């Protein structure tokens, strides 16, 4: 045990120095990063039962249409890929239950998505095909593919009049879910906003059916054989700054330095 005791101060010193340098580079805003996944720790292939990232309450549950690809979003390394056939919960994963504001951020890249194609990212407290409850946002299957905000199920949505999805370009999508009463009652959608500004779409009517959020799902509809969706830098947070891809907070470096040294930080 003597060698371990002798080395401990040196390890602590190196860690302290590393954190000190990172602290100069990044000062986190008030709020928390709940969970994240950049899909870099996986072997390319099926996503089902994947355990990458950090902060989650369980592993991915995914259909064959959701996988990890080595060359995903350009200049982003590996990404989650969604292909046909469409499904109501192609990939889902649990995180610690939240009852306050929840932000979901991701980088998004598509190919060949058109007016008949639909992507919904929905969040609730249920597993399986539960898209008709909770709060959500995504890309609407109407002319020019506007981004939309939604509460509960069938077409109870507000389409953005200014933010439209464009193929073959990486975009930043952030969803904010909030409540002032007993259930979640508001969805805000932000498109390509590095800091939180006015939402591109907001929806406040309908019954979400949930007072807590703890599971994220990806749903598609109408995908054709050549359609492609790529997701990267997935982050769930309690504020906008932590939902936007960026460095990990210093506090997480202190708590998880050994594990973080073995994996690439989320973007």
Protein backbone atom coordinates (compact mmCIF):
# COMPACT_ATOMS: atom_id res chain seq x y z
CA UNK A 1 0.00 0.00 0.00
CA UNK A 2 2.97 2.36 0.49
CA UNK A 3 3.42 3.08 -3.24
CA UNK A 4 -0.24 4.03 -3.50
CA UNK A 5 0.05 6.48 -0.62
CA UNK A 6 3.16 8.02 -2.13
CA UNK A 7 1.52 8.54 -5.52
CA UNK A 8 -1.79 9.86 -4.25
CA UNK A 9 -0.58 13.47 -3.72
CA UNK A 10 0.86 13.53 -7.25
CA UNK A 11 -2.42 12.26 -8.75
CA UNK A 12 -4.40 14.79 -6.74
CA UNK A 13 -2.05 17.57 -7.83
CA UNK A 14 -2.41 16.67 -11.49
CA UNK A 15 -6.19 16.50 -11.18
CA UNK A 16 -6.33 19.83 -9.37
CA UNK A 17 -4.14 21.46 -12.01
CA UNK A 18 -6.31 20.03 -14.81
CA UNK A 19 -9.50 21.26 -13.19
CA UNK A 20 -7.93 24.67 -12.55
CA UNK A 21 -7.10 25.04 -16.23
CA UNK A 22 -10.61 23.92 -17.24
CA UNK A 23 -12.13 26.35 -14.77
CA UNK A 24 -10.43 29.19 -16.60
CA UNK A 25 -11.85 27.91 -19.90
CA UNK A 26 -15.43 27.30 -18.78
CA UNK A 27 -17.62 28.70 -16.01
CA UNK A 28 -20.98 26.90 -15.94
CA UNK A 29 -24.21 28.85 -15.74
CA UNK A 30 -26.71 28.20 -12.96
CA UNK A 31 -28.39 24.90 -13.76
CA UNK A 32 -27.46 21.29 -14.26
CA UNK A 33 -26.59 18.85 -16.99
CA UNK A 34 -28.82 15.86 -16.20
CA UNK A 35 -27.70 13.36 -18.83
CA UNK A 36 -25.77 13.30 -22.11
CA UNK A 37 -24.68 10.96 -24.89
CA UNK A 38 -22.36 11.75 -27.80
CA UNK A 39 -22.41 8.12 -29.09
CA UNK A 40 -18.59 7.95 -29.24
CA UNK A 41 -18.12 5.08 -26.77
CA UNK A 42 -20.14 2.55 -28.81
CA UNK A 43 -19.03 0.08 -31.42
CA UNK A 44 -20.86 0.90 -34.66
CA UNK A 45 -24.04 -1.14 -34.99
CA UNK A 46 -27.24 -1.61 -33.03
CA UNK A 47 -28.05 0.93 -30.32
CA UNK A 48 -30.24 -1.39 -28.24
CA UNK A 49 -28.94 -1.80 -24.67
CA UNK A 50 -26.25 0.84 -25.27
CA UNK A 51 -24.91 2.38 -22.07
CA UNK A 52 -22.80 5.29 -23.31
CA UNK A 53 -22.80 8.85 -22.07
CA UNK A 54 -23.53 9.64 -18.42
CA UNK A 55 -26.33 10.59 -16.03
CA UNK A 56 -28.93 8.15 -17.38
CA UNK A 57 -31.13 5.85 -15.31
CA UNK A 58 -30.83 2.93 -17.71
CA UNK A 59 -29.62 1.79 -21.12
CA UNK A 60 -31.07 2.54 -24.53
CA UNK A 61 -34.04 0.51 -25.71
CA UNK A 62 -33.96 0.67 -29.51
CA UNK A 63 -35.40 -0.95 -32.60
CA UNK A 64 -33.23 -2.11 -35.49
CA UNK A 65 -33.95 1.18 -37.31
CA UNK A 66 -31.88 3.06 -34.69
CA UNK A 67 -28.15 2.40 -34.68
CA UNK A 68 -24.72 4.00 -34.19
CA UNK A 69 -22.66 4.87 -37.29
CA UNK A 70 -18.95 5.63 -37.35
CA UNK A 71 -19.25 8.45 -39.89
CA UNK A 72 -22.31 10.34 -38.72
CA UNK A 73 -22.83 14.07 -38.79
CA UNK A 74 -19.88 15.54 -40.73
CA UNK A 75 -16.98 16.52 -38.42
CA UNK A 76 -18.81 15.03 -35.44
CA UNK A 77 -17.54 11.45 -35.39
CA UNK A 78 -20.08 8.81 -34.44
CA UNK A 79 -23.81 9.60 -34.33
CA UNK A 80 -27.13 7.92 -33.74
CA UNK A 81 -28.68 7.02 -37.08
CA UNK A 82 -32.41 6.56 -37.70
CA UNK A 83 -33.54 4.83 -40.89
CA UNK A 84 -36.81 3.33 -42.16
CA UNK A 85 -39.04 1.66 -41.23
CA UNK A 86 -40.77 4.31 -39.15
CA UNK A 87 -41.89 3.59 -35.61
CA UNK A 88 -43.55 5.19 -32.59
CA UNK A 89 -40.60 4.63 -30.26
CA UNK A 90 -37.52 3.71 -32.26
CA UNK A 91 -35.15 4.66 -29.46
CA UNK A 92 -35.86 5.56 -25.84
CA UNK A 93 -33.94 6.03 -22.60
CA UNK A 94 -34.67 7.02 -19.01
CA UNK A 95 -33.10 9.80 -16.96
CA UNK A 96 -33.69 10.92 -13.35
CA UNK A 97 -37.21 12.24 -12.95
CA UNK A 98 -37.64 16.01 -13.22
CA UNK A 99 -40.53 18.19 -12.12
CA UNK A 100 -39.15 21.60 -13.13
CA UNK A 101 -38.04 23.01 -16.47
CA UNK A 102 -36.42 20.43 -18.73
CA UNK A 103 -34.31 21.28 -21.76
CA UNK A 104 -33.42 18.73 -24.45
CA UNK A 105 -30.68 19.71 -26.88
CA UNK A 106 -29.16 17.90 -29.86
CA UNK A 107 -27.38 18.31 -33.15
CA UNK A 108 -29.50 17.17 -36.07
CA UNK A 109 -28.64 16.31 -39.68
CA UNK A 110 -30.92 14.72 -42.30
CA UNK A 111 -30.95 13.62 -45.92
CA UNK A 112 -33.96 13.44 -48.25
CA UNK A 113 -36.54 14.46 -45.62
CA UNK A 114 -39.61 15.86 -47.36
CA UNK A 115 -43.17 16.97 -46.73
CA UNK A 116 -44.38 13.44 -45.99
CA UNK A 117 -41.67 12.72 -43.41
CA UNK A 118 -41.97 13.33 -39.67
CA UNK A 119 -39.62 13.32 -36.66
CA UNK A 120 -40.93 13.66 -33.11
CA UNK A 121 -38.82 13.82 -29.96
CA UNK A 122 -41.20 13.23 -27.09
CA UNK A 123 -40.59 13.17 -23.35
CA UNK A 124 -42.84 11.69 -20.67
CA UNK A 125 -42.62 9.19 -17.81
CA UNK A 126 -43.68 6.11 -19.78
CA UNK A 127 -41.92 3.39 -21.73
CA UNK A 128 -42.87 1.94 -25.09
CA UNK A 129 -45.13 3.52 -27.69
CA UNK A 130 -46.53 6.30 -25.50
CA UNK A 131 -46.30 9.17 -28.00
CA UNK A 132 -49.86 10.32 -27.22
CA UNK A 133 -48.79 11.57 -23.77
CA UNK A 134 -46.15 13.99 -22.62
CA UNK A 135 -44.56 16.94 -24.40
CA UNK A 136 -42.62 17.01 -27.65
CA UNK A 137 -41.18 18.80 -30.64
CA UNK A 138 -39.57 17.98 -33.95
CA UNK A 139 -39.96 18.23 -37.72
CA UNK A 140 -43.52 18.35 -39.12
CA UNK A 141 -44.65 16.42 -42.19
CA UNK A 142 -46.09 19.43 -44.03
CA UNK A 143 -44.85 21.71 -46.78
CA UNK A 144 -41.26 22.95 -46.17
CA UNK A 145 -40.98 20.84 -42.98
CA UNK A 146 -41.47 23.43 -40.22
CA UNK A 147 -40.33 22.66 -36.70
CA UNK A 148 -43.23 22.12 -34.30
CA UNK A 149 -44.10 22.23 -30.60
CA UNK A 150 -46.67 19.79 -29.21
CA UNK A 151 -48.48 18.71 -26.05
CA UNK A 152 -50.02 15.21 -25.97
CA UNK A 153 -51.00 13.33 -29.12
CA UNK A 154 -52.71 13.79 -32.46
CA UNK A 155 -51.67 16.98 -34.24
CA UNK A 156 -52.13 19.13 -31.15
CA UNK A 157 -49.28 21.31 -32.34
CA UNK A 158 -48.01 24.74 -33.20
CA UNK A 159 -45.87 24.91 -36.34
CA UNK A 160 -43.08 27.45 -36.56
CA UNK A 161 -43.70 30.15 -39.17
CA UNK A 162 -40.01 31.09 -39.37
CA UNK A 163 -37.90 27.98 -38.67
CA UNK A 164 -37.91 25.24 -41.30
CA UNK A 165 -35.75 22.15 -41.45
CA UNK A 166 -33.13 22.00 -44.22
CA UNK A 167 -31.55 18.75 -45.40
CA UNK A 168 -27.79 18.21 -45.54
CA UNK A 169 -27.07 20.90 -42.96
CA UNK A 170 -26.27 20.36 -39.30
CA UNK A 171 -28.76 22.17 -37.09
CA UNK A 172 -29.11 22.77 -33.36
CA UNK A 173 -32.48 21.85 -31.87
CA UNK A 174 -33.38 22.67 -28.26
CA UNK A 175 -36.75 21.83 -26.67
CA UNK A 176 -37.91 23.38 -23.40
CA UNK A 177 -40.69 21.76 -21.37
CA UNK A 178 -42.21 23.66 -18.44
CA UNK A 179 -45.13 23.74 -16.03
CA UNK A 180 -46.74 26.17 -13.63
CA UNK A 181 -49.50 23.86 -12.42
CA UNK A 182 -49.87 20.15 -11.70
CA UNK A 183 -48.83 18.97 -15.19
CA UNK A 184 -46.43 20.00 -17.94
CA UNK A 185 -48.32 22.51 -20.05
CA UNK A 186 -45.83 24.29 -22.30
CA UNK A 187 -43.41 23.30 -25.06
CA UNK A 188 -40.95 25.79 -26.60
CA UNK A 189 -38.78 25.00 -29.63
CA UNK A 190 -35.51 26.80 -30.40
CA UNK A 191 -33.73 26.27 -33.71
CA UNK A 192 -30.08 27.19 -34.29
CA UNK A 193 -29.94 29.49 -31.26
CA UNK A 194 -26.58 29.31 -29.42
CA UNK A 195 -28.15 31.17 -26.47
CA UNK A 196 -31.75 31.23 -25.33
CA UNK A 197 -33.80 33.80 -27.21
CA UNK A 198 -37.42 33.96 -28.33
CA UNK A 199 -38.82 30.49 -29.12
CA UNK A 200 -39.35 29.61 -32.77
CA UNK A 201 -42.53 27.75 -31.78
CA UNK A 202 -44.58 27.54 -28.58
CA UNK A 203 -47.55 25.36 -27.68
CA UNK A 204 -49.61 25.67 -24.48
CA UNK A 205 -52.87 23.76 -25.04
CA UNK A 206 -53.68 20.11 -24.50
CA UNK A 207 -53.18 17.68 -21.65
CA UNK A 208 -49.68 16.24 -21.31
CA UNK A 209 -50.91 13.76 -18.72
CA UNK A 210 -47.69 13.96 -16.73
CA UNK A 211 -46.35 15.92 -13.77
CA UNK A 212 -42.83 14.50 -14.11
CA UNK A 213 -40.49 13.83 -17.03
CA UNK A 214 -38.08 10.90 -17.01
CA UNK A 215 -37.90 9.25 -20.45
CA UNK A 216 -37.00 10.48 -23.93
CA UNK A 217 -38.29 8.83 -27.13
CA UNK A 218 -37.61 9.23 -30.85
CA UNK A 219 -40.54 8.66 -33.23
CA UNK A 220 -40.74 8.82 -37.02
CA UNK A 221 -43.53 8.58 -39.56
CA UNK A 222 -43.56 8.21 -43.33
CA UNK A 223 -39.84 7.63 -43.85
CA UNK A 224 -38.94 6.44 -47.34
CA UNK A 225 -36.16 4.04 -48.27
CA UNK A 226 -33.57 6.79 -48.88
CA UNK A 227 -34.42 8.96 -45.87
CA UNK A 228 -31.78 9.46 -43.17
CA UNK A 229 -31.78 11.13 -39.73
CA UNK A 230 -28.64 11.64 -37.64
CA UNK A 231 -28.63 12.73 -33.99
CA UNK A 232 -25.57 13.76 -31.99
CA UNK A 233 -24.55 15.60 -28.81
CA UNK A 234 -27.78 14.68 -27.03
CA UNK A 235 -28.11 16.58 -23.76
CA UNK A 236 -30.84 16.81 -21.10
CA UNK A 237 -30.51 19.73 -18.70
CA UNK A 238 -32.29 22.14 -16.39
CA UNK A 239 -31.21 25.23 -18.33
CA UNK A 240 -30.45 26.26 -21.89
CA UNK A 241 -26.70 26.69 -21.48
CA UNK A 242 -26.22 23.07 -20.45
CA UNK A 243 -28.50 21.77 -23.22
CA UNK A 244 -26.37 23.35 -25.96
CA UNK A 245 -23.34 21.25 -26.98
CA UNK A 246 -20.23 22.47 -25.18
CA UNK A 247 -17.65 21.47 -22.55
CA UNK A 248 -18.61 19.55 -19.44
CA UNK A 249 -19.03 21.62 -16.26
CA UNK A 250 -16.00 21.64 -13.92
CA UNK A 251 -18.07 20.00 -11.17
CA UNK A 252 -18.54 16.93 -13.36
CA UNK A 253 -14.82 16.84 -14.09
CA UNK A 254 -14.16 16.71 -10.34
CA UNK A 255 -16.72 13.98 -9.71
CA UNK A 256 -16.03 11.85 -12.75
CA UNK A 257 -12.43 12.46 -13.76
CA UNK A 258 -11.38 8.77 -14.01
CA UNK A 259 -14.32 7.89 -16.27
CA UNK A 260 -14.10 11.09 -18.28
CA UNK A 261 -10.45 10.43 -19.03
CA UNK A 262 -11.53 7.33 -20.92
CA UNK A 263 -14.26 8.90 -23.05
CA UNK A 264 -14.58 11.97 -25.21
CA UNK A 265 -16.56 14.77 -23.60
CA UNK A 266 -19.87 15.74 -25.26
CA UNK A 267 -19.74 18.58 -27.74
